[in-house]
C-alpha atoms as a PDB file:
ATOM      1  CA  MET A   1      86.935  88.340  88.369  1.00  0.00           C
ATOM      2  CA  ARG A   2      90.665  87.664  88.344  1.00  0.00           C
ATOM      3  CA  VAL A   3      92.278  90.738  89.848  1.00  0.00           C
ATOM      4  CA  LEU A   4      95.833  92.015  90.264  1.00  0.00           C
ATOM      5  CA  VAL A   5      96.578  94.616  92.938  1.00  0.00           C
ATOM      6  CA  THR A   6      99.885  96.471  93.045  1.00  0.00           C
ATOM      7  CA  GLY A   7     100.579  98.008  96.426  1.00  0.00           C
ATOM      8  CA  GLY A   8      98.282  95.404  97.938  1.00  0.00           C
ATOM      9  CA  THR A   9     100.196  95.484 101.221  1.00  0.00           C
ATOM     10  CA  GLY A  10      99.813  99.266 101.552  1.00  0.00           C
ATOM     11  CA  PHE A  11      97.175 101.304 103.336  1.00  0.00           C
ATOM     12  CA  VAL A  12      94.565 101.489 100.565  1.00  0.00           C
ATOM     13  CA  GLY A  13      95.707  98.226  98.989  1.00  0.00           C
ATOM     14  CA  ARG A  14      95.095  96.129 102.112  1.00  0.00           C
ATOM     15  CA  HIS A  15      91.518  97.334 102.419  1.00  0.00           C
ATOM     16  CA  LEU A  16      90.964  96.895  98.699  1.00  0.00           C
ATOM     17  CA  VAL A  17      92.238  93.295  98.841  1.00  0.00           C
ATOM     18  CA  CYS A  18      89.896  92.517 101.742  1.00  0.00           C
ATOM     19  CA  GLN A  19      86.877  93.905  99.921  1.00  0.00           C
ATOM     20  CA  LEU A  20      87.766  92.076  96.718  1.00  0.00           C
ATOM     21  CA  LEU A  21      87.978  88.787  98.608  1.00  0.00           C
ATOM     22  CA  ASP A  22      84.694  89.493 100.386  1.00  0.00           C
ATOM     23  CA  GLN A  23      83.066  89.873  96.973  1.00  0.00           C
ATOM     24  CA  GLY A  24      84.444  86.548  95.792  1.00  0.00           C
ATOM     25  CA  HIS A  25      87.146  87.749  93.395  1.00  0.00           C
ATOM     26  CA  GLU A  26      90.378  85.838  92.746  1.00  0.00           C
ATOM     27  CA  VAL A  27      93.085  88.193  93.999  1.00  0.00           C
ATOM     28  CA  THR A  28      96.770  88.325  93.138  1.00  0.00           C
ATOM     29  CA  VAL A  29      98.997  90.744  95.059  1.00  0.00           C
ATOM     30  CA  LEU A  30     102.183  92.090  93.513  1.00  0.00           C
ATOM     31  CA  TYR A  31     104.709  92.556  96.306  1.00  0.00           C
ATOM     32  CA  ARG A  32     108.278  93.813  96.441  1.00  0.00           C
ATOM     33  CA  ARG A  33     109.713  92.480  99.701  1.00  0.00           C
ATOM     34  CA  GLU A  34     108.860  89.462 101.834  1.00  0.00           C
ATOM     35  CA  SER A  35     108.420  91.647 104.919  1.00  0.00           C
ATOM     36  CA  ARG A  36     105.603  93.536 103.189  1.00  0.00           C
ATOM     37  CA  ARG A  37     103.489  90.387 103.029  1.00  0.00           C
ATOM     38  CA  GLU A  38     103.325  90.377 106.821  1.00  0.00           C
ATOM     39  CA  ARG A  39     101.188  93.504 106.679  1.00  0.00           C
ATOM     40  CA  LEU A  40      98.318  91.312 105.536  1.00  0.00           C
ATOM     41  CA  SER A  41      96.571  89.108 108.074  1.00  0.00           C
ATOM     42  CA  GLU A  42      97.355  85.412 108.141  1.00  0.00           C
ATOM     43  CA  GLN A  43      93.884  84.633 106.823  1.00  0.00           C
ATOM     44  CA  ILE A  44      94.277  87.023 103.905  1.00  0.00           C
ATOM     45  CA  ARG A  45      97.689  85.578 103.061  1.00  0.00           C
ATOM     46  CA  LYS A  46      96.061  82.167 102.743  1.00  0.00           C
ATOM     47  CA  GLU A  47      93.410  83.428 100.341  1.00  0.00           C
ATOM     48  CA  VAL A  48      95.456  85.506  97.907  1.00  0.00           C
ATOM     49  CA  ARG A  49      98.081  84.574  95.367  1.00  0.00           C
ATOM     50  CA  PHE A  50     101.389  86.439  95.601  1.00  0.00           C
ATOM     51  CA  VAL A  51     103.642  87.463  92.733  1.00  0.00           C
ATOM     52  CA  LYS A  52     106.974  89.072  93.492  1.00  0.00           C
ATOM     53  CA  GLY A  53     107.821  92.125  91.418  1.00  0.00           C
ATOM     54  CA  ASP A  54     108.920  95.741  91.564  1.00  0.00           C
ATOM     55  CA  ILE A  55     107.127  98.390  89.519  1.00  0.00           C
ATOM     56  CA  MET A  56     110.496 100.098  89.026  1.00  0.00           C
ATOM     57  CA  GLU A  57     111.976  96.968  87.440  1.00  0.00           C
ATOM     58  CA  PRO A  58     109.928  96.186  84.312  1.00  0.00           C
ATOM     59  CA  GLU A  59     111.595  92.820  83.755  1.00  0.00           C
ATOM     60  CA  SER A  60     110.211  91.654  87.112  1.00  0.00           C
ATOM     61  CA  LEU A  61     106.663  92.442  85.968  1.00  0.00           C
ATOM     62  CA  GLN A  62     106.622  90.219  82.906  1.00  0.00           C
ATOM     63  CA  GLY A  63     103.428  88.205  82.804  1.00  0.00           C
ATOM     64  CA  CYS A  64     101.966  89.582  86.029  1.00  0.00           C
ATOM     65  CA  THR A  65      98.845  90.933  84.284  1.00  0.00           C
ATOM     66  CA  ARG A  66      98.345  87.936  81.988  1.00  0.00           C
ATOM     67  CA  GLY A  67      94.917  86.384  82.503  1.00  0.00           C
ATOM     68  CA  MET A  68      93.709  89.254  84.695  1.00  0.00           C
ATOM     69  CA  ASP A  69      90.331  90.918  84.224  1.00  0.00           C
ATOM     70  CA  TRP A  70      91.033  93.925  86.425  1.00  0.00           C
ATOM     71  CA  VAL A  71      94.270  95.604  87.457  1.00  0.00           C
ATOM     72  CA  PHE A  72      94.362  98.048  90.366  1.00  0.00           C
ATOM     73  CA  HIS A  73      97.585 100.066  90.436  1.00  0.00           C
ATOM     74  CA  THR A  74      97.696 101.452  93.976  1.00  0.00           C
ATOM     75  CA  ALA A  75     101.474 101.286  94.519  1.00  0.00           C
ATOM     76  CA  GLY A  76     103.325 104.556  95.033  1.00  0.00           C
ATOM     77  CA  GLU A  77     104.953 106.641  97.724  1.00  0.00           C
ATOM     78  CA  VAL A  78     103.091 109.460  99.454  1.00  0.00           C
ATOM     79  CA  ALA A  79     105.747 112.113 100.064  1.00  0.00           C
ATOM     80  CA  TRP A  80     105.485 115.895 100.284  1.00  0.00           C
ATOM     81  CA  ALA A  81     109.035 116.777 101.394  1.00  0.00           C
ATOM     82  CA  ARG A  82     111.276 118.538  98.877  1.00  0.00           C
ATOM     83  CA  SER A  83     114.111 116.160  99.720  1.00  0.00           C
ATOM     84  CA  LEU A  84     112.028 113.167  98.604  1.00  0.00           C
ATOM     85  CA  ARG A  85     110.466 114.745  95.525  1.00  0.00           C
ATOM     86  CA  GLN A  86     112.730 113.248  92.867  1.00  0.00           C
ATOM     87  CA  ARG A  87     112.460 109.692  94.161  1.00  0.00           C
ATOM     88  CA  MET A  88     108.729 109.971  94.744  1.00  0.00           C
ATOM     89  CA  THR A  89     108.058 111.411  91.287  1.00  0.00           C
ATOM     90  CA  ARG A  90     110.097 108.733  89.557  1.00  0.00           C
ATOM     91  CA  GLY A  91     108.215 106.025  91.452  1.00  0.00           C
ATOM     92  CA  HIS A  92     104.819 107.322  90.413  1.00  0.00           C
ATOM     93  CA  VAL A  93     105.623 108.210  86.810  1.00  0.00           C
ATOM     94  CA  LYS A  94     108.036 105.455  85.777  1.00  0.00           C
ATOM     95  CA  GLY A  95     106.265 102.864  87.903  1.00  0.00           C
ATOM     96  CA  THR A  96     102.960 103.678  86.220  1.00  0.00           C
ATOM     97  CA  GLU A  97     104.616 103.620  82.796  1.00  0.00           C
ATOM     98  CA  HIS A  98     105.900 100.125  83.488  1.00  0.00           C
ATOM     99  CA  MET A  99     102.516  98.852  84.677  1.00  0.00           C
ATOM    100  CA  VAL A 100     100.743 100.451  81.713  1.00  0.00           C
ATOM    101  CA  ALA A 101     103.164  98.779  79.317  1.00  0.00           C
ATOM    102  CA  GLU A 102     102.666  95.380  80.954  1.00  0.00           C
ATOM    103  CA  ALA A 103      98.867  95.667  81.113  1.00  0.00           C
ATOM    104  CA  SER A 104      98.765  96.829  77.476  1.00  0.00           C
ATOM    105  CA  ARG A 105     100.142  93.439  76.469  1.00  0.00           C
ATOM    106  CA  SER A 106      97.302  91.660  78.291  1.00  0.00           C
ATOM    107  CA  ASP A 107      93.578  91.505  77.713  1.00  0.00           C
ATOM    108  CA  VAL A 108      92.483  93.325  80.865  1.00  0.00           C
ATOM    109  CA  SER A 109      89.018  94.877  80.881  1.00  0.00           C
ATOM    110  CA  ARG A 110      89.795  97.572  83.457  1.00  0.00           C
ATOM    111  CA  PHE A 111      92.994  99.268  84.601  1.00  0.00           C
ATOM    112  CA  VAL A 112      92.227 101.430  87.635  1.00  0.00           C
ATOM    113  CA  LEU A 113      94.900 103.920  88.722  1.00  0.00           C
ATOM    114  CA  THR A 114      94.941 105.178  92.294  1.00  0.00           C
ATOM    115  CA  SER A 115      95.759 108.836  91.806  1.00  0.00           C
ATOM    116  CA  SER A 116      94.988 111.615  94.283  1.00  0.00           C
ATOM    117  CA  ALA A 117      92.711 114.602  94.625  1.00  0.00           C
ATOM    118  CA  ALA A 118      95.966 116.588  94.557  1.00  0.00           C
ATOM    119  CA  ALA A 119      96.139 115.731  90.829  1.00  0.00           C
ATOM    120  CA  ILE A 120      92.801 117.511  90.355  1.00  0.00           C
ATOM    121  CA  GLY A 121      94.306 120.742  91.662  1.00  0.00           C
ATOM    122  CA  PHE A 122      93.789 123.078  94.598  1.00  0.00           C
ATOM    123  CA  SER A 123      90.816 125.414  94.781  1.00  0.00           C
ATOM    124  CA  MET A 124      91.604 129.079  95.347  1.00  0.00           C
ATOM    125  CA  SER A 125      88.297 129.559  97.196  1.00  0.00           C
ATOM    126  CA  THR A 126      85.876 127.627  99.384  1.00  0.00           C
ATOM    127  CA  GLN A 127      84.238 126.265  96.225  1.00  0.00           C
ATOM    128  CA  PRO A 128      84.957 122.502  96.114  1.00  0.00           C
ATOM    129  CA  ALA A 129      86.935 121.346  93.085  1.00  0.00           C
ATOM    130  CA  ILE A 130      85.500 118.794  90.657  1.00  0.00           C
ATOM    131  CA  GLU A 131      87.183 116.542  88.091  1.00  0.00           C
ATOM    132  CA  SER A 132      87.242 119.262  85.408  1.00  0.00           C
ATOM    133  CA  PHE A 133      89.055 121.763  87.648  1.00  0.00           C
ATOM    134  CA  PRO A 134      92.049 123.275  85.772  1.00  0.00           C
ATOM    135  CA  PHE A 135      95.160 121.679  87.256  1.00  0.00           C
ATOM    136  CA  ASN A 136      97.351 124.256  89.012  1.00  0.00           C
ATOM    137  CA  GLY A 137      99.932 121.999  90.606  1.00  0.00           C
ATOM    138  CA  TYR A 138     102.689 123.225  88.312  1.00  0.00           C
ATOM    139  CA  HIS A 139     101.867 126.853  89.047  1.00  0.00           C
ATOM    140  CA  LEU A 140     101.939 126.188  92.788  1.00  0.00           C
ATOM    141  CA  ASN A 141     104.977 123.887  92.423  1.00  0.00           C
ATOM    142  CA  ILE A 142     103.515 121.088  94.554  1.00  0.00           C
ATOM    143  CA  GLY A 143     105.628 117.993  93.914  1.00  0.00           C
ATOM    144  CA  TYR A 144     103.184 115.293  94.967  1.00  0.00           C
ATOM    145  CA  ALA A 145     100.389 116.808  92.876  1.00  0.00           C
ATOM    146  CA  ILE A 146     102.656 117.030  89.832  1.00  0.00           C
ATOM    147  CA  ALA A 147     103.826 113.428  90.209  1.00  0.00           C
ATOM    148  CA  LYS A 148     100.268 112.123  90.480  1.00  0.00           C
ATOM    149  CA  TRP A 149      99.074 114.251  87.556  1.00  0.00           C
ATOM    150  CA  GLU A 150     101.907 113.033  85.329  1.00  0.00           C
ATOM    151  CA  ALA A 151     101.176 109.420  86.289  1.00  0.00           C
ATOM    152  CA  GLU A 152      97.550 109.975  85.281  1.00  0.00           C
ATOM    153  CA  GLN A 153      98.667 111.221  81.878  1.00  0.00           C
ATOM    154  CA  ARG A 154     100.445 107.920  81.209  1.00  0.00           C
ATOM    155  CA  VAL A 155      97.213 106.030  81.817  1.00  0.00           C
ATOM    156  CA  LEU A 156      94.971 108.455  79.951  1.00  0.00           C
ATOM    157  CA  GLN A 157      97.305 108.635  76.942  1.00  0.00           C
ATOM    158  CA  ALA A 158      97.444 104.846  76.685  1.00  0.00           C
ATOM    159  CA  THR A 159      93.646 104.833  76.905  1.00  0.00           C
ATOM    160  CA  ASP A 160      93.376 107.427  74.139  1.00  0.00           C
ATOM    161  CA  ASP A 161      95.696 105.287  72.009  1.00  0.00           C
ATOM    162  CA  GLY A 162      93.446 102.269  72.496  1.00  0.00           C
ATOM    163  CA  ARG A 163      96.117 100.317  74.345  1.00  0.00           C
ATOM    164  CA  LEU A 164      94.452 100.323  77.750  1.00  0.00           C
ATOM    165  CA  PRO A 165      90.949 100.535  79.285  1.00  0.00           C
ATOM    166  CA  GLY A 166      92.054 103.064  81.904  1.00  0.00           C
ATOM    167  CA  ILE A 167      90.067 104.661  84.725  1.00  0.00           C
ATOM    168  CA  VAL A 168      91.462 107.060  87.341  1.00  0.00           C
ATOM    169  CA  VAL A 169      90.248 107.450  90.918  1.00  0.00           C
ATOM    170  CA  ASN A 170      91.242 110.474  92.985  1.00  0.00           C
ATOM    171  CA  PRO A 171      90.921 109.905  96.746  1.00  0.00           C
ATOM    172  CA  THR A 172      91.189 112.904  99.053  1.00  0.00           C
ATOM    173  CA  VAL A 173      92.987 112.767 102.441  1.00  0.00           C
ATOM    174  CA  ILE A 174      92.550 109.150 103.512  1.00  0.00           C
ATOM    175  CA  VAL A 175      92.057 108.285 107.181  1.00  0.00           C
ATOM    176  CA  GLY A 176      90.949 105.107 108.865  1.00  0.00           C
ATOM    177  CA  GLU A 177      91.420 102.409 111.411  1.00  0.00           C
ATOM    178  CA  SER A 178      94.756 101.008 110.313  1.00  0.00           C
ATOM    179  CA  HIS A 179      96.626 104.196 109.492  1.00  0.00           C
ATOM    180  CA  PRO A 180      96.797 106.376 112.605  1.00  0.00           C
ATOM    181  CA  GLY A 181      99.596 108.765 111.500  1.00  0.00           C
ATOM    182  CA  PHE A 182      98.935 112.305 112.733  1.00  0.00           C
ATOM    183  CA  VAL A 183      95.578 111.113 114.078  1.00  0.00           C
ATOM    184  CA  ARG A 184      97.473 109.102 116.666  1.00  0.00           C
ATOM    185  CA  GLN A 185      99.508 112.148 117.701  1.00  0.00           C
ATOM    186  CA  VAL A 186      96.354 114.148 118.275  1.00  0.00           C
ATOM    187  CA  ALA A 187      94.666 111.255 120.077  1.00  0.00           C
ATOM    188  CA  LYS A 188      97.669 110.898 122.408  1.00  0.00           C
ATOM    189  CA  GLY A 189      97.645 114.609 123.213  1.00  0.00           C
ATOM    190  CA  GLN A 190     101.005 115.132 121.496  1.00  0.00           C
ATOM    191  CA  LEU A 191      99.621 117.494 118.863  1.00  0.00           C
ATOM    192  CA  ASN A 192      97.249 120.290 119.790  1.00  0.00           C
ATOM    193  CA  ILE A 193      97.758 122.765 116.940  1.00  0.00           C
ATOM    194  CA  ALA A 194      96.512 122.654 113.362  1.00  0.00           C
ATOM    195  CA  PRO A 195      97.414 124.744 110.307  1.00  0.00           C
ATOM    196  CA  ASP A 196      94.823 127.208 109.080  1.00  0.00           C
ATOM    197  CA  GLY A 197      92.601 126.026 106.271  1.00  0.00           C
ATOM    198  CA  GLY A 198      90.528 122.975 105.528  1.00  0.00           C
ATOM    199  CA  VAL A 199      90.692 119.725 103.587  1.00  0.00           C
ATOM    200  CA  ASN A 200      88.484 116.856 102.501  1.00  0.00           C
ATOM    201  CA  PHE A 201      88.718 113.591 104.463  1.00  0.00           C
ATOM    202  CA  VAL A 202      87.641 110.139 103.293  1.00  0.00           C
ATOM    203  CA  ASP A 203      87.499 106.855 105.170  1.00  0.00           C
ATOM    204  CA  VAL A 204      89.878 104.263 103.715  1.00  0.00           C
ATOM    205  CA  ILE A 205      87.002 101.781 103.613  1.00  0.00           C
ATOM    206  CA  ASP A 206      84.995 104.142 101.405  1.00  0.00           C
ATOM    207  CA  ALA A 207      88.020 104.870  99.212  1.00  0.00           C
ATOM    208  CA  ALA A 208      88.615 101.152  98.687  1.00  0.00           C
ATOM    209  CA  GLU A 209      84.956 100.580  97.852  1.00  0.00           C
ATOM    210  CA  GLY A 210      85.158 103.445  95.373  1.00  0.00           C
ATOM    211  CA  HIS A 211      87.915 101.566  93.551  1.00  0.00           C
ATOM    212  CA  LEU A 212      85.682  98.535  93.133  1.00  0.00           C
ATOM    213  CA  LEU A 213      82.782 100.669  91.973  1.00  0.00           C
ATOM    214  CA  ALA A 214      85.012 102.370  89.424  1.00  0.00           C
ATOM    215  CA  ALA A 215      86.094  99.001  88.008  1.00  0.00           C
ATOM    216  CA  ALA A 216      82.543  97.666  87.891  1.00  0.00           C
ATOM    217  CA  LYS A 217      80.636 100.770  86.773  1.00  0.00           C
ATOM    218  CA  GLY A 218      83.118 103.453  85.778  1.00  0.00           C
ATOM    219  CA  ARG A 219      83.428 104.835  82.285  1.00  0.00           C
ATOM    220  CA  ILE A 220      86.708 104.313  80.454  1.00  0.00           C
ATOM    221  CA  ARG A 221      89.051 107.342  80.547  1.00  0.00           C
ATOM    222  CA  GLU A 222      87.069 109.075  83.288  1.00  0.00           C
ATOM    223  CA  ARG A 223      88.369 110.412  86.592  1.00  0.00           C
ATOM    224  CA  TYR A 224      86.395 110.043  89.811  1.00  0.00           C
ATOM    225  CA  ILE A 225      87.007 111.984  93.016  1.00  0.00           C
ATOM    226  CA  LEU A 226      86.561 109.718  96.041  1.00  0.00           C
ATOM    227  CA  GLY A 227      86.031 112.094  98.925  1.00  0.00           C
ATOM    228  CA  GLY A 228      84.081 112.622 102.081  1.00  0.00           C
ATOM    229  CA  ALA A 229      83.659 115.525 104.466  1.00  0.00           C
ATOM    230  CA  ASN A 230      85.027 119.025 103.837  1.00  0.00           C
ATOM    231  CA  LEU A 231      86.009 120.792 107.044  1.00  0.00           C
ATOM    232  CA  PRO A 232      88.734 122.895 108.701  1.00  0.00           C
ATOM    233  CA  LEU A 233      91.780 121.010 109.972  1.00  0.00           C
ATOM    234  CA  ARG A 234      91.315 122.492 113.430  1.00  0.00           C
ATOM    235  CA  GLU A 235      87.787 121.098 113.584  1.00  0.00           C
ATOM    236  CA  PHE A 236      88.981 117.650 112.491  1.00  0.00           C
ATOM    237  CA  PHE A 237      91.764 117.617 115.084  1.00  0.00           C
ATOM    238  CA  GLN A 238      89.269 118.696 117.751  1.00  0.00           C
ATOM    239  CA  MET A 239      86.951 115.824 116.839  1.00  0.00           C
ATOM    240  CA  VAL A 240      89.851 113.392 117.278  1.00  0.00           C
ATOM    241  CA  ALA A 241      90.902 114.931 120.608  1.00  0.00           C
ATOM    242  CA  ASP A 242      87.339 114.850 121.911  1.00  0.00           C
ATOM    243  CA  GLN A 243      86.792 111.247 120.853  1.00  0.00           C
ATOM    244  CA  ALA A 244      90.069 110.220 122.487  1.00  0.00           C
ATOM    245  CA  GLY A 245      89.230 112.138 125.652  1.00  0.00           C
ATOM    246  CA  THR A 246      92.441 114.200 125.759  1.00  0.00           C
ATOM    247  CA  GLY A 247      90.634 117.244 127.129  1.00  0.00           C
ATOM    248  CA  GLN A 248      92.781 119.468 124.912  1.00  0.00           C
ATOM    249  CA  ARG A 249      91.594 122.443 122.919  1.00  0.00           C
ATOM    250  CA  ILE A 250      93.049 122.526 119.419  1.00  0.00           C
ATOM    251  CA  ARG A 251      94.402 125.868 118.267  1.00  0.00           C
ATOM    252  CA  SER A 252      95.006 127.042 114.713  1.00  0.00           C
ATOM    253  CA  ILE A 253      98.408 128.359 113.664  1.00  0.00           C
ATOM    254  CA  PRO A 254      98.692 130.981 110.932  1.00  0.00           C
ATOM    255  CA  ARG A 255     100.310 130.302 107.588  1.00  0.00           C
ATOM    256  CA  TRP A 256     103.525 132.150 108.424  1.00  0.00           C
ATOM    257  CA  ALA A 257     104.047 129.967 111.494  1.00  0.00           C
ATOM    258  CA  ALA A 258     103.397 126.795 109.491  1.00  0.00           C
ATOM    259  CA  LEU A 259     105.936 127.910 106.893  1.00  0.00           C
ATOM    260  CA  GLY A 260     108.533 128.597 109.576  1.00  0.00           C
ATOM    261  CA  ALA A 261     108.027 125.195 111.173  1.00  0.00           C
ATOM    262  CA  ALA A 262     108.184 123.520 107.770  1.00  0.00           C
ATOM    263  CA  ALA A 263     111.432 125.268 106.825  1.00  0.00           C
ATOM    264  CA  VAL A 264     113.122 124.017 109.999  1.00  0.00           C
ATOM    265  CA  GLY A 265     111.598 120.572 109.611  1.00  0.00           C
ATOM    266  CA  GLU A 266     112.753 120.231 105.990  1.00  0.00           C
ATOM    267  CA  VAL A 267     116.363 120.931 106.948  1.00  0.00           C
ATOM    268  CA  THR A 268     116.280 118.346 109.723  1.00  0.00           C
ATOM    269  CA  ALA A 269     114.458 115.819 107.538  1.00  0.00           C
ATOM    270  CA  ARG A 270     116.950 116.210 104.695  1.00  0.00           C
ATOM    271  CA  TRP A 271     119.784 115.473 107.113  1.00  0.00           C
ATOM    272  CA  LYS A 272     117.958 112.365 108.409  1.00  0.00           C
ATOM    273  CA  GLY A 273     116.661 111.290 105.004  1.00  0.00           C
ATOM    274  CA  LYS A 274     113.064 111.295 106.221  1.00  0.00           C
ATOM    275  CA  GLU A 275     109.830 113.190 105.636  1.00  0.00           C
ATOM    276  CA  ALA A 276     109.406 116.336 107.724  1.00  0.00           C
ATOM    277  CA  PRO A 277     106.495 116.311 110.228  1.00  0.00           C
ATOM    278  CA  LEU A 278     105.102 119.283 108.288  1.00  0.00           C
ATOM    279  CA  ALA A 279     106.563 119.270 104.776  1.00  0.00           C
ATOM    280  CA  TRP A 280     107.200 122.534 102.951  1.00  0.00           C
ATOM    281  CA  ASP A 281     104.714 121.842 100.144  1.00  0.00           C
ATOM    282  CA  LEU A 282     101.976 121.082 102.669  1.00  0.00           C
ATOM    283  CA  ALA A 283     102.754 124.223 104.654  1.00  0.00           C
ATOM    284  CA  ARG A 284     102.492 126.302 101.480  1.00  0.00           C
ATOM    285  CA  LEU A 285      98.936 125.024 101.054  1.00  0.00           C
ATOM    286  CA  SER A 286      97.929 126.053 104.584  1.00  0.00           C
ATOM    287  CA  GLY A 287      95.369 128.810 104.808  1.00  0.00           C
ATOM    288  CA  ARG A 288      93.454 127.388 101.835  1.00  0.00           C
ATOM    289  CA  ASP A 289      90.217 125.441 101.972  1.00  0.00           C
ATOM    290  CA  ILE A 290      91.214 122.502  99.790  1.00  0.00           C
ATOM    291  CA  TYR A 291      87.768 121.053  99.303  1.00  0.00           C
ATOM    292  CA  TYR A 292      86.470 118.545  96.766  1.00  0.00           C
ATOM    293  CA  ASP A 293      83.107 117.368  95.464  1.00  0.00           C
ATOM    294  CA  SER A 294      82.480 113.624  94.968  1.00  0.00           C
ATOM    295  CA  GLY A 295      79.181 114.186  93.184  1.00  0.00           C
ATOM    296  CA  LYS A 296      80.299 112.558  89.937  1.00  0.00           C
ATOM    297  CA  ALA A 297      81.270 109.304  91.692  1.00  0.00           C
ATOM    298  CA  GLU A 298      78.022 109.395  93.651  1.00  0.00           C
ATOM    299  CA  ARG A 299      75.913 109.826  90.513  1.00  0.00           C
ATOM    300  CA  GLU A 300      77.735 107.454  88.174  1.00  0.00           C
ATOM    301  CA  LEU A 301      79.102 104.804  90.518  1.00  0.00           C
ATOM    302  CA  GLY A 302      76.707 104.835  93.456  1.00  0.00           C
ATOM    303  CA  TYR A 303      79.602 105.905  95.679  1.00  0.00           C
ATOM    304  CA  ARG A 304      78.794 106.817  99.301  1.00  0.00           C
ATOM    305  CA  TRP A 305      80.908 107.944 102.233  1.00  0.00           C
ATOM    306  CA  ARG A 306      80.566 107.440 105.979  1.00  0.00           C
ATOM    307  CA  PRO A 307      80.143 110.287 108.459  1.00  0.00           C
ATOM    308  CA  LEU A 308      83.584 111.400 109.640  1.00  0.00           C
ATOM    309  CA  LYS A 309      82.639 110.930 113.292  1.00  0.00           C
ATOM    310  CA  GLU A 310      82.225 107.206 112.663  1.00  0.00           C
ATOM    311  CA  THR A 311      85.640 107.001 111.015  1.00  0.00           C
ATOM    312  CA  ILE A 312      87.295 108.772 113.941  1.00  0.00           C
ATOM    313  CA  ARG A 313      85.468 106.604 116.467  1.00  0.00           C
ATOM    314  CA  ASP A 314      86.594 103.417 114.742  1.00  0.00           C
ATOM    315  CA  SER A 315      90.171 104.690 114.385  1.00  0.00           C
ATOM    316  CA  ILE A 316      90.409 105.472 118.102  1.00  0.00           C
ATOM    317  CA  ARG A 317      88.967 102.085 119.004  1.00  0.00           C
ATOM    318  CA  TRP A 318      91.389 100.327 116.639  1.00  0.00           C
ATOM    319  CA  MET A 319      94.371 102.077 118.228  1.00  0.00           C
ATOM    320  CA  ARG A 320      93.210 101.318 121.758  1.00  0.00           C
ATOM    321  CA  GLU A 321      92.647  97.640 121.012  1.00  0.00           C
ATOM    322  CA  ARG A 322      96.223  97.383 119.759  1.00  0.00           C
ATOM    323  CA  GLY A 323      97.831  99.388 122.522  1.00  0.00           C
ATOM    324  CA  ARG A 324      98.628 102.351 120.289  1.00  0.00           C
ATOM    325  CA  LEU A 325      97.111 104.824 122.769  1.00  0.00           C
END
């Protein structure tokens, strides 16, 4: 297959590109800046074709999907801070609109949008949410969820209109070997508290494979949750600390404390123009068990996910090999 990947130098995109190449596909990566290409290994850079373009500048996208069989639209900013909401939302919604318009002028057989489980909604109980869960992101006023949900609507509407063979995948919280983030802080002993509540974690390798399965086997206009293990944040942090050998005991902090820390962090982050360590929208979700069920992807796509202990083990090893710990 001839495949275009937007965001191919990003976290999910890099793993997706590697798996596509391993399966023998001809891969083109849409990139925005030269420095982003360096995120891919030298070997990968030799194997892929690069096309320069910006999803926010539709004129730069002209012809990028021509001759492609599959298009994976993974590009988009992950941001939960209130100060970044407007920019983040515009990137997801307008960027997706531009890619949908370009792909609609080409004869692609699959257009796979990387959405998020946040666009499914947030369960009010310990019952895991599925694809048909009634979206409550607007009610809860969660910016990232709203942005992802609105981006989905652009793809699904174009699919309903017969302009696009769209499929949506909804990964949960993605962790893995090349994206340490807060995992690194815990592994270094710099973070020994976790907000109350639980989430669903998925290995980036499994999430990337789920994209390929969706393109190969997914039904047009369907959404597929790509998840893994549901568990409390404190338990996840403790698994990381234990694997890293920090000797620390992870403690939970109540919702009110998370909200207080987030309020202070948002003020500081706004002044610096950065994301707060604990963004306000994330803090407002603390205390909930935000769990998801990947059963539909497992049944229809043959999707499988690795045990979380293996993901954590590989992440710690990856960081140690590169001097990150």
